[in-house]
C-alpha atoms as a PDB file:
ATOM      1  CA  MET A   1     -18.757  16.105  -2.963  1.00  0.00           C
ATOM      2  CA  LYS A   2     -18.140  16.692   0.753  1.00  0.00           C
ATOM      3  CA  TRP A   3     -17.245  13.069   1.368  1.00  0.00           C
ATOM      4  CA  LEU A   4     -14.314  13.448  -1.049  1.00  0.00           C
ATOM      5  CA  LEU A   5     -12.602  15.757   1.407  1.00  0.00           C
ATOM      6  CA  CYS A   6     -12.252  12.805   3.759  1.00  0.00           C
ATOM      7  CA  LEU A   7     -10.254  10.876   1.198  1.00  0.00           C
ATOM      8  CA  ILE A   8      -7.511  13.490   0.910  1.00  0.00           C
ATOM      9  CA  PRO A   9      -4.414  11.909   2.534  1.00  0.00           C
ATOM     10  CA  LEU A  10      -4.028  14.176   5.549  1.00  0.00           C
ATOM     11  CA  MET A  11      -2.479  13.237   8.888  1.00  0.00           C
ATOM     12  CA  ILE A  12      -5.761  12.606  10.675  1.00  0.00           C
ATOM     13  CA  HIS A  13      -5.800  11.819  14.372  1.00  0.00           C
ATOM     14  CA  PRO A  14      -6.874   8.147  14.627  1.00  0.00           C
ATOM     15  CA  VAL A  15      -9.616   8.749  17.181  1.00  0.00           C
ATOM     16  CA  ALA A  16     -11.010  11.671  15.208  1.00  0.00           C
ATOM     17  CA  ALA A  17     -10.936   9.617  12.014  1.00  0.00           C
ATOM     18  CA  GLN A  18     -12.903   6.758  13.524  1.00  0.00           C
ATOM     19  CA  ARG A  19     -15.616   9.027  14.930  1.00  0.00           C
ATOM     20  CA  GLY A  20     -16.857   9.412  11.357  1.00  0.00           C
ATOM     21  CA  LEU A  21     -17.475   5.709  10.787  1.00  0.00           C
ATOM     22  CA  PRO A  22     -20.889   4.829   9.335  1.00  0.00           C
ATOM     23  CA  GLU A  23     -23.338   3.917  12.063  1.00  0.00           C
ATOM     24  CA  GLY A  24     -23.374   0.178  12.657  1.00  0.00           C
ATOM     25  CA  THR A  25     -19.837  -0.435  11.360  1.00  0.00           C
ATOM     26  CA  LYS A  26     -18.361  -3.565  12.907  1.00  0.00           C
ATOM     27  CA  VAL A  27     -14.843  -2.897  14.177  1.00  0.00           C
ATOM     28  CA  GLU A  28     -12.339  -5.546  15.214  1.00  0.00           C
ATOM     29  CA  LYS A  29      -8.978  -4.308  16.469  1.00  0.00           C
ATOM     30  CA  ASN A  30      -5.513  -5.789  16.889  1.00  0.00           C
ATOM     31  CA  ILE A  31      -6.163  -9.156  15.282  1.00  0.00           C
ATOM     32  CA  ALA A  32      -3.016 -11.244  14.889  1.00  0.00           C
ATOM     33  CA  TYR A  33      -2.550 -12.321  11.284  1.00  0.00           C
ATOM     34  CA  VAL A  34       0.462 -14.434  12.309  1.00  0.00           C
ATOM     35  CA  THR A  35      -0.183 -16.838  15.158  1.00  0.00           C
ATOM     36  CA  GLY A  36       2.248 -16.201  17.995  1.00  0.00           C
ATOM     37  CA  GLY A  37       4.052 -13.610  15.879  1.00  0.00           C
ATOM     38  CA  HIS A  38       5.591 -10.193  16.442  1.00  0.00           C
ATOM     39  CA  GLU A  39       3.474  -7.529  18.159  1.00  0.00           C
ATOM     40  CA  ARG A  40       3.442  -5.583  14.893  1.00  0.00           C
ATOM     41  CA  GLN A  41       1.836  -8.442  12.951  1.00  0.00           C
ATOM     42  CA  THR A  42      -1.703  -7.278  13.628  1.00  0.00           C
ATOM     43  CA  LEU A  43      -4.573  -5.737  11.705  1.00  0.00           C
ATOM     44  CA  ASP A  44      -7.857  -3.908  12.223  1.00  0.00           C
ATOM     45  CA  ILE A  45     -11.043  -4.718  10.316  1.00  0.00           C
ATOM     46  CA  PHE A  46     -13.885  -2.306   9.570  1.00  0.00           C
ATOM     47  CA  VAL A  47     -17.043  -3.690   7.957  1.00  0.00           C
ATOM     48  CA  PRO A  48     -19.952  -1.303   7.341  1.00  0.00           C
ATOM     49  CA  PRO A  49     -23.564  -2.481   7.523  1.00  0.00           C
ATOM     50  CA  HIS A  50     -24.592  -4.578   4.533  1.00  0.00           C
ATOM     51  CA  ALA A  51     -27.209  -7.107   3.502  1.00  0.00           C
ATOM     52  CA  GLU A  52     -26.887 -10.514   5.160  1.00  0.00           C
ATOM     53  CA  ASN A  53     -26.287 -12.296   1.856  1.00  0.00           C
ATOM     54  CA  GLU A  54     -23.934  -9.602   0.511  1.00  0.00           C
ATOM     55  CA  VAL A  55     -20.146  -9.659   0.493  1.00  0.00           C
ATOM     56  CA  LEU A  56     -18.202  -6.429   0.212  1.00  0.00           C
ATOM     57  CA  PRO A  57     -15.046  -5.646  -1.721  1.00  0.00           C
ATOM     58  CA  VAL A  58     -12.221  -4.757   0.635  1.00  0.00           C
ATOM     59  CA  VAL A  59      -9.368  -2.258   0.522  1.00  0.00           C
ATOM     60  CA  ILE A  60      -6.344  -3.001   2.680  1.00  0.00           C
ATOM     61  CA  TRP A  61      -4.480   0.095   3.870  1.00  0.00           C
ATOM     62  CA  ILE A  62      -0.692  -0.105   4.383  1.00  0.00           C
ATOM     63  CA  HIS A  63       0.791   2.864   6.230  1.00  0.00           C
ATOM     64  CA  GLY A  64       3.931   4.821   5.430  1.00  0.00           C
ATOM     65  CA  GLY A  65       6.723   6.079   7.632  1.00  0.00           C
ATOM     66  CA  ALA A  66       9.995   5.269   5.852  1.00  0.00           C
ATOM     67  CA  TRP A  67       9.660   1.630   6.986  1.00  0.00           C
ATOM     68  CA  MET A  68      10.765   2.927  10.411  1.00  0.00           C
ATOM     69  CA  GLN A  69       7.584   4.330  11.936  1.00  0.00           C
ATOM     70  CA  GLY A  70       3.864   4.694  11.373  1.00  0.00           C
ATOM     71  CA  SER A  71       0.817   2.761  12.459  1.00  0.00           C
ATOM     72  CA  LYS A  72      -2.379   1.140  11.283  1.00  0.00           C
ATOM     73  CA  GLU A  73      -4.173   3.563  13.614  1.00  0.00           C
ATOM     74  CA  ASN A  74      -3.848   6.317  11.022  1.00  0.00           C
ATOM     75  CA  CYS A  75      -5.882   4.591   8.320  1.00  0.00           C
ATOM     76  CA  GLN A  76      -6.526   6.878   5.359  1.00  0.00           C
ATOM     77  CA  ALA A  77      -8.933   4.436   3.692  1.00  0.00           C
ATOM     78  CA  LEU A  78     -11.720   4.647   6.279  1.00  0.00           C
ATOM     79  CA  PRO A  79     -13.892   7.034   4.198  1.00  0.00           C
ATOM     80  CA  LEU A  80     -14.349   4.162   1.739  1.00  0.00           C
ATOM     81  CA  LEU A  81     -16.598   2.524   4.349  1.00  0.00           C
ATOM     82  CA  GLY A  82     -19.339   4.907   3.298  1.00  0.00           C
ATOM     83  CA  LYS A  83     -18.950   3.913  -0.347  1.00  0.00           C
ATOM     84  CA  GLY A  84     -19.623   0.182  -0.061  1.00  0.00           C
ATOM     85  CA  TYR A  85     -16.210  -1.152   0.961  1.00  0.00           C
ATOM     86  CA  ALA A  86     -14.844  -3.016   3.926  1.00  0.00           C
ATOM     87  CA  VAL A  87     -11.473  -1.680   5.076  1.00  0.00           C
ATOM     88  CA  VAL A  88      -8.533  -3.433   6.693  1.00  0.00           C
ATOM     89  CA  SER A  89      -5.572  -1.553   8.146  1.00  0.00           C
ATOM     90  CA  ILE A  90      -2.359  -3.422   8.930  1.00  0.00           C
ATOM     91  CA  ASN A  91       0.867  -3.032  10.844  1.00  0.00           C
ATOM     92  CA  TYR A  92       4.064  -4.740   9.734  1.00  0.00           C
ATOM     93  CA  ARG A  93       7.533  -5.181  11.179  1.00  0.00           C
ATOM     94  CA  LEU A  94       9.618  -2.039  10.794  1.00  0.00           C
ATOM     95  CA  SER A  95      13.241  -1.948   9.691  1.00  0.00           C
ATOM     96  CA  GLN A  96      14.466  -1.732  13.283  1.00  0.00           C
ATOM     97  CA  HIS A  97      12.643  -4.990  14.001  1.00  0.00           C
ATOM     98  CA  ALA A  98      13.794  -6.911  10.933  1.00  0.00           C
ATOM     99  CA  VAL A  99      15.336  -6.083   7.572  1.00  0.00           C
ATOM    100  CA  PHE A 100      13.742  -6.757   4.207  1.00  0.00           C
ATOM    101  CA  PRO A 101      11.988  -8.998   3.155  1.00  0.00           C
ATOM    102  CA  ALA A 102      10.255  -9.115   6.552  1.00  0.00           C
ATOM    103  CA  GLN A 103       7.990  -6.202   5.574  1.00  0.00           C
ATOM    104  CA  ILE A 104       6.634  -7.754   2.386  1.00  0.00           C
ATOM    105  CA  GLU A 105       6.356 -11.164   4.038  1.00  0.00           C
ATOM    106  CA  ASP A 106       4.084  -9.530   6.615  1.00  0.00           C
ATOM    107  CA  CYS A 107       1.989  -7.761   3.993  1.00  0.00           C
ATOM    108  CA  LYS A 108       1.536 -10.990   2.071  1.00  0.00           C
ATOM    109  CA  ALA A 109       0.582 -12.833   5.242  1.00  0.00           C
ATOM    110  CA  ALA A 110      -2.014 -10.163   6.017  1.00  0.00           C
ATOM    111  CA  VAL A 111      -3.580 -10.386   2.547  1.00  0.00           C
ATOM    112  CA  ARG A 112      -3.754 -14.162   2.837  1.00  0.00           C
ATOM    113  CA  TRP A 113      -5.348 -13.879   6.288  1.00  0.00           C
ATOM    114  CA  VAL A 114      -8.009 -11.522   4.937  1.00  0.00           C
ATOM    115  CA  ARG A 115      -8.849 -13.894   2.100  1.00  0.00           C
ATOM    116  CA  ALA A 116      -8.853 -16.951   4.394  1.00  0.00           C
ATOM    117  CA  HIS A 117     -11.304 -15.264   6.794  1.00  0.00           C
ATOM    118  CA  ALA A 118     -13.297 -13.348   4.204  1.00  0.00           C
ATOM    119  CA  LYS A 119     -16.494 -15.401   4.378  1.00  0.00           C
ATOM    120  CA  GLU A 120     -16.922 -15.003   8.123  1.00  0.00           C
ATOM    121  CA  LYS A 121     -16.263 -11.269   7.894  1.00  0.00           C
ATOM    122  CA  GLY A 122     -18.651 -10.536   5.018  1.00  0.00           C
ATOM    123  CA  ILE A 123     -15.775  -9.768   2.650  1.00  0.00           C
ATOM    124  CA  ASP A 124     -15.386 -10.821  -0.974  1.00  0.00           C
ATOM    125  CA  PRO A 125     -12.053 -12.680  -1.315  1.00  0.00           C
ATOM    126  CA  LYS A 126     -12.128 -12.173  -5.090  1.00  0.00           C
ATOM    127  CA  HIS A 127     -12.155  -8.386  -4.865  1.00  0.00           C
ATOM    128  CA  VAL A 128      -9.256  -7.298  -2.687  1.00  0.00           C
ATOM    129  CA  GLY A 129      -7.585  -3.941  -3.263  1.00  0.00           C
ATOM    130  CA  VAL A 130      -4.523  -2.520  -1.560  1.00  0.00           C
ATOM    131  CA  TRP A 131      -3.664   1.128  -0.990  1.00  0.00           C
ATOM    132  CA  GLY A 132      -0.601   2.622   0.662  1.00  0.00           C
ATOM    133  CA  SER A 133       1.424   5.812   0.805  1.00  0.00           C
ATOM    134  CA  SER A 134       5.188   6.374   0.797  1.00  0.00           C
ATOM    135  CA  ALA A 135       6.719   3.225   2.379  1.00  0.00           C
ATOM    136  CA  GLY A 136       3.214   1.773   2.164  1.00  0.00           C
ATOM    137  CA  GLY A 137       3.109   2.716  -1.521  1.00  0.00           C
ATOM    138  CA  HIS A 138       6.313   0.756  -2.039  1.00  0.00           C
ATOM    139  CA  LEU A 139       4.824  -2.258  -0.260  1.00  0.00           C
ATOM    140  CA  VAL A 140       1.502  -2.250  -2.146  1.00  0.00           C
ATOM    141  CA  ALA A 141       3.392  -1.933  -5.435  1.00  0.00           C
ATOM    142  CA  LEU A 142       5.543  -4.864  -4.384  1.00  0.00           C
ATOM    143  CA  LEU A 143       2.448  -6.873  -3.484  1.00  0.00           C
ATOM    144  CA  GLY A 144       1.205  -6.205  -6.986  1.00  0.00           C
ATOM    145  CA  THR A 145       4.363  -7.148  -8.867  1.00  0.00           C
ATOM    146  CA  SER A 146       5.662 -10.029  -6.722  1.00  0.00           C
ATOM    147  CA  GLY A 147       2.596 -12.246  -6.681  1.00  0.00           C
ATOM    148  CA  ASP A 148       4.583 -15.167  -8.070  1.00  0.00           C
ATOM    149  CA  LYS A 149       7.548 -14.853  -5.670  1.00  0.00           C
ATOM    150  CA  LYS A 150       6.800 -17.903  -3.539  1.00  0.00           C
ATOM    151  CA  GLU A 151       9.786 -17.559  -1.193  1.00  0.00           C
ATOM    152  CA  TRP A 152       8.109 -14.535   0.391  1.00  0.00           C
ATOM    153  CA  GLU A 153       5.042 -16.564   1.286  1.00  0.00           C
ATOM    154  CA  LYS A 154       5.677 -17.477   4.929  1.00  0.00           C
ATOM    155  CA  GLY A 155       3.494 -18.944   7.662  1.00  0.00           C
ATOM    156  CA  GLU A 156      -0.203 -19.711   7.478  1.00  0.00           C
ATOM    157  CA  ASN A 157      -2.989 -19.706   4.877  1.00  0.00           C
ATOM    158  CA  LEU A 158      -0.593 -20.688   2.128  1.00  0.00           C
ATOM    159  CA  ASP A 159      -3.444 -22.187   0.118  1.00  0.00           C
ATOM    160  CA  VAL A 160      -4.759 -18.720  -0.772  1.00  0.00           C
ATOM    161  CA  SER A 161      -3.176 -16.015  -2.894  1.00  0.00           C
ATOM    162  CA  SER A 162      -1.481 -12.857  -1.620  1.00  0.00           C
ATOM    163  CA  ARG A 163      -1.782 -11.140  -4.997  1.00  0.00           C
ATOM    164  CA  PRO A 164      -4.194  -8.189  -4.781  1.00  0.00           C
ATOM    165  CA  ASP A 165      -6.814  -7.488  -7.438  1.00  0.00           C
ATOM    166  CA  ALA A 166      -6.055  -3.763  -7.616  1.00  0.00           C
ATOM    167  CA  VAL A 167      -3.219  -1.546  -6.369  1.00  0.00           C
ATOM    168  CA  CYS A 168      -3.288   2.153  -5.486  1.00  0.00           C
ATOM    169  CA  ASN A 169       0.285   3.345  -4.990  1.00  0.00           C
ATOM    170  CA  TYR A 170       0.686   6.769  -3.412  1.00  0.00           C
ATOM    171  CA  PHE A 171       4.224   8.087  -4.057  1.00  0.00           C
ATOM    172  CA  GLY A 172       6.059   4.873  -3.210  1.00  0.00           C
ATOM    173  CA  VAL A 173       9.641   3.972  -4.094  1.00  0.00           C
ATOM    174  CA  ALA A 174       9.646   1.773  -7.196  1.00  0.00           C
ATOM    175  CA  ASP A 175      13.336   1.101  -7.787  1.00  0.00           C
ATOM    176  CA  LEU A 176      15.996   1.367  -5.089  1.00  0.00           C
ATOM    177  CA  THR A 177      18.702   1.020  -7.725  1.00  0.00           C
ATOM    178  CA  THR A 178      17.768   4.293  -9.456  1.00  0.00           C
ATOM    179  CA  ILE A 179      16.502   6.489  -6.627  1.00  0.00           C
ATOM    180  CA  VAL A 180      19.929   7.994  -5.868  1.00  0.00           C
ATOM    181  CA  ALA A 181      20.537   9.053  -9.463  1.00  0.00           C
ATOM    182  CA  GLN A 182      17.018  10.505  -9.728  1.00  0.00           C
ATOM    183  CA  SER A 183      17.237  12.498  -6.495  1.00  0.00           C
ATOM    184  CA  ASN A 184      18.408  16.068  -6.201  1.00  0.00           C
ATOM    185  CA  PRO A 185      20.405  16.374  -2.950  1.00  0.00           C
ATOM    186  CA  LYS A 186      20.033  20.152  -3.099  1.00  0.00           C
ATOM    187  CA  VAL A 187      16.247  19.817  -2.905  1.00  0.00           C
ATOM    188  CA  GLY A 188      15.522  16.683  -0.914  1.00  0.00           C
ATOM    189  CA  PRO A 189      16.187  16.368   2.826  1.00  0.00           C
ATOM    190  CA  ILE A 190      17.263  12.720   2.484  1.00  0.00           C
ATOM    191  CA  ASN A 191      20.584  11.450   1.190  1.00  0.00           C
ATOM    192  CA  HIS A 192      19.362   8.142  -0.191  1.00  0.00           C
ATOM    193  CA  ALA A 193      22.934   6.931  -0.659  1.00  0.00           C
ATOM    194  CA  ALA A 194      23.784   7.297   3.027  1.00  0.00           C
ATOM    195  CA  PRO A 195      24.204   4.173   5.185  1.00  0.00           C
ATOM    196  CA  ASP A 196      21.465   5.470   7.480  1.00  0.00           C
ATOM    197  CA  SER A 197      18.961   6.380   4.753  1.00  0.00           C
ATOM    198  CA  PRO A 198      15.515   4.759   5.046  1.00  0.00           C
ATOM    199  CA  GLU A 199      16.238   2.553   2.022  1.00  0.00           C
ATOM    200  CA  SER A 200      19.607   1.454   3.387  1.00  0.00           C
ATOM    201  CA  LYS A 201      18.081   0.642   6.768  1.00  0.00           C
ATOM    202  CA  LEU A 202      15.359  -1.316   4.990  1.00  0.00           C
ATOM    203  CA  ILE A 203      17.812  -3.700   3.311  1.00  0.00           C
ATOM    204  CA  GLY A 204      20.364  -3.574   6.119  1.00  0.00           C
ATOM    205  CA  ALA A 205      23.161  -2.114   3.985  1.00  0.00           C
ATOM    206  CA  PRO A 206      23.919   1.013   1.897  1.00  0.00           C
ATOM    207  CA  ILE A 207      21.905   0.723  -1.294  1.00  0.00           C
ATOM    208  CA  THR A 208      24.679   2.099  -3.502  1.00  0.00           C
ATOM    209  CA  GLU A 209      27.088  -0.597  -2.314  1.00  0.00           C
ATOM    210  CA  ASN A 210      24.561  -3.427  -2.436  1.00  0.00           C
ATOM    211  CA  ARG A 211      22.837  -3.131  -5.787  1.00  0.00           C
ATOM    212  CA  GLU A 212      21.631  -6.735  -5.766  1.00  0.00           C
ATOM    213  CA  LYS A 213      19.879  -6.345  -2.407  1.00  0.00           C
ATOM    214  CA  ALA A 214      18.443  -3.044  -3.579  1.00  0.00           C
ATOM    215  CA  ALA A 215      17.044  -4.689  -6.706  1.00  0.00           C
ATOM    216  CA  VAL A 216      15.488  -7.519  -4.692  1.00  0.00           C
ATOM    217  CA  ALA A 217      13.535  -4.958  -2.647  1.00  0.00           C
ATOM    218  CA  SER A 218      12.301  -3.045  -5.719  1.00  0.00           C
ATOM    219  CA  PRO A 219       8.790  -3.467  -7.186  1.00  0.00           C
ATOM    220  CA  ALA A 220      10.196  -2.651 -10.645  1.00  0.00           C
ATOM    221  CA  THR A 221      12.273  -5.833 -10.560  1.00  0.00           C
ATOM    222  CA  TYR A 222       9.227  -8.102 -10.687  1.00  0.00           C
ATOM    223  CA  VAL A 223       6.972  -6.429 -13.252  1.00  0.00           C
ATOM    224  CA  SER A 224       5.186  -9.030 -15.402  1.00  0.00           C
ATOM    225  CA  LYS A 225       2.121  -9.244 -17.613  1.00  0.00           C
ATOM    226  CA  ASP A 226      -0.021 -10.925 -14.927  1.00  0.00           C
ATOM    227  CA  ASP A 227       0.301  -8.058 -12.434  1.00  0.00           C
ATOM    228  CA  PRO A 228      -2.923  -6.376 -11.267  1.00  0.00           C
ATOM    229  CA  THR A 229      -3.973  -2.959 -12.512  1.00  0.00           C
ATOM    230  CA  MET A 230      -2.232  -0.126 -10.696  1.00  0.00           C
ATOM    231  CA  LEU A 231      -3.031   3.524 -10.071  1.00  0.00           C
ATOM    232  CA  LEU A 232       0.063   5.589  -9.260  1.00  0.00           C
ATOM    233  CA  VAL A 233      -0.470   8.992  -7.649  1.00  0.00           C
ATOM    234  CA  HIS A 234       2.605  11.178  -7.179  1.00  0.00           C
ATOM    235  CA  GLY A 235       3.440  14.835  -6.634  1.00  0.00           C
ATOM    236  CA  THR A 236       5.618  16.241  -9.397  1.00  0.00           C
ATOM    237  CA  LYS A 237       7.715  18.163  -6.840  1.00  0.00           C
ATOM    238  CA  ASP A 238       8.095  15.348  -4.300  1.00  0.00           C
ATOM    239  CA  PRO A 239      11.378  16.063  -2.432  1.00  0.00           C
ATOM    240  CA  LEU A 240      11.572  12.620  -0.792  1.00  0.00           C
ATOM    241  CA  VAL A 241      10.607  10.092  -3.463  1.00  0.00           C
ATOM    242  CA  PRO A 242      11.347  11.382  -6.978  1.00  0.00           C
ATOM    243  CA  TYR A 243       8.320  11.658  -9.246  1.00  0.00           C
ATOM    244  CA  GLN A 244      10.343   9.789 -11.884  1.00  0.00           C
ATOM    245  CA  GLN A 245      10.024   6.635  -9.768  1.00  0.00           C
ATOM    246  CA  SER A 246       6.313   6.428 -10.566  1.00  0.00           C
ATOM    247  CA  VAL A 247       6.847   7.502 -14.175  1.00  0.00           C
ATOM    248  CA  ASP A 248       9.241   4.615 -14.721  1.00  0.00           C
ATOM    249  CA  LEU A 249       7.110   2.020 -12.917  1.00  0.00           C
ATOM    250  CA  CYS A 250       3.990   3.031 -14.840  1.00  0.00           C
ATOM    251  CA  ALA A 251       5.880   2.783 -18.128  1.00  0.00           C
ATOM    252  CA  ALA A 252       7.268  -0.650 -17.213  1.00  0.00           C
ATOM    253  CA  LEU A 253       3.795  -1.948 -16.358  1.00  0.00           C
ATOM    254  CA  LYS A 254       2.316  -0.628 -19.593  1.00  0.00           C
ATOM    255  CA  LYS A 255       5.166  -2.113 -21.599  1.00  0.00           C
ATOM    256  CA  VAL A 256       4.162  -5.647 -20.574  1.00  0.00           C
ATOM    257  CA  GLY A 257       0.454  -4.967 -21.049  1.00  0.00           C
ATOM    258  CA  VAL A 258      -0.638  -4.266 -17.476  1.00  0.00           C
ATOM    259  CA  GLY A 259      -3.312  -1.639 -17.009  1.00  0.00           C
ATOM    260  CA  ALA A 260      -1.559   1.234 -15.248  1.00  0.00           C
ATOM    261  CA  THR A 261      -2.444   4.891 -14.810  1.00  0.00           C
ATOM    262  CA  LEU A 262      -0.170   7.644 -13.555  1.00  0.00           C
ATOM    263  CA  HIS A 263      -1.986  10.508 -11.866  1.00  0.00           C
ATOM    264  CA  PRO A 264       0.511  13.366 -11.476  1.00  0.00           C
ATOM    265  CA  VAL A 265      -0.263  15.995  -8.859  1.00  0.00           C
ATOM    266  CA  ASP A 266       1.231  19.101 -10.419  1.00  0.00           C
ATOM    267  CA  GLY A 267       3.478  21.012  -8.036  1.00  0.00           C
ATOM    268  CA  ALA A 268       2.663  18.781  -5.061  1.00  0.00           C
ATOM    269  CA  GLY A 269       5.175  17.358  -2.622  1.00  0.00           C
ATOM    270  CA  HIS A 270       5.313  14.141  -0.636  1.00  0.00           C
ATOM    271  CA  GLY A 271       1.581  13.891  -0.102  1.00  0.00           C
ATOM    272  CA  ASN A 272       1.262  17.642   0.367  1.00  0.00           C
ATOM    273  CA  GLY A 273      -0.896  19.508  -2.110  1.00  0.00           C
ATOM    274  CA  PHE A 274      -3.287  16.648  -2.853  1.00  0.00           C
ATOM    275  CA  GLY A 275      -6.978  17.463  -3.206  1.00  0.00           C
ATOM    276  CA  LEU A 276     -10.401  16.488  -4.504  1.00  0.00           C
ATOM    277  CA  LYS A 277      -9.141  15.251  -7.872  1.00  0.00           C
ATOM    278  CA  GLU A 278      -6.905  12.687  -6.198  1.00  0.00           C
ATOM    279  CA  ALA A 279      -9.659  11.541  -3.845  1.00  0.00           C
ATOM    280  CA  GLU A 280     -12.040  11.108  -6.756  1.00  0.00           C
ATOM    281  CA  ALA A 281      -9.401   9.263  -8.803  1.00  0.00           C
ATOM    282  CA  VAL A 282      -8.897   6.727  -6.013  1.00  0.00           C
ATOM    283  CA  LEU A 283     -12.604   5.992  -5.635  1.00  0.00           C
ATOM    284  CA  THR A 284     -13.126   5.769  -9.391  1.00  0.00           C
ATOM    285  CA  PHE A 285     -10.184   3.402  -9.663  1.00  0.00           C
ATOM    286  CA  PHE A 286     -11.327   1.016  -6.946  1.00  0.00           C
ATOM    287  CA  ASP A 287     -14.925   1.078  -8.226  1.00  0.00           C
ATOM    288  CA  SER A 288     -13.739   0.134 -11.705  1.00  0.00           C
ATOM    289  CA  GLN A 289     -11.549  -2.710 -10.464  1.00  0.00           C
ATOM    290  CA  LEU A 290     -13.428  -4.091  -7.461  1.00  0.00           C
ATOM    291  CA  LYS A 291     -17.082  -3.401  -8.240  1.00  0.00           C
ATOM    292  CA  GLU A 292     -17.657  -3.064 -11.958  1.00  0.00           C
ATOM    293  CA  LYS A 293     -15.732  -6.278 -12.688  1.00  0.00           C
ATOM    294  CA  LYS A 294     -17.922  -8.392 -10.394  1.00  0.00           C
END
């Protein structure tokens, strides 16, 4: 059970995190997934030792940070390397670099790059999971629900799909059109309606005055029956992203027949208060979707 402690989403120093890599792990850093692109359009690949004729399922980690900060260097998925997975950690353009949909265009480009280069990296292109927290949770949920939104497919490797095979969404925003009404300004430190809120900066305008733009950036907008299975993990006392966001998204997915599971973390905040149960739920989820279905 000790390995489960490593999966708890703590703010781990990147160097300290990578010291625990399985011996023989092949690491490739700062690979551009967009040729000649922005400095943020890069990814890191971690592939643990495996049989020469074996291909590994992969989990792509997408970091949080209110779409304004954060880095692939703090990859929370690295403990999965010891459980038979390859791991990819990506950066994407932040809201100060470009407004939405730049962020999801980057995530889609990264997924396509991974699939296009899977064979040479020892990765199985048919078993690609995504996992992200906070802003990263929003982006992985959007990857899951917007697989058929072709206008967000930009650049290279357009002959392969950006739709993941499994999504683990840690406390991500699901619907920018409802987050203000669901938030308690007396509890949360963020006024989501403000022009300088993270959501408003993401779309380049106040979300309450630009409902259409807010809807376009919302994973809930694109829910359909062909979406991949999703695990939603959310603290019931989250002061930043209301727990109801995940409740509503899970219900919407189930309504159209998509396999979705909500894992509430009773009394927990925005990633604070998570423990062994959450770590075990993530591993069980990815095993069921990326290994048992092979």
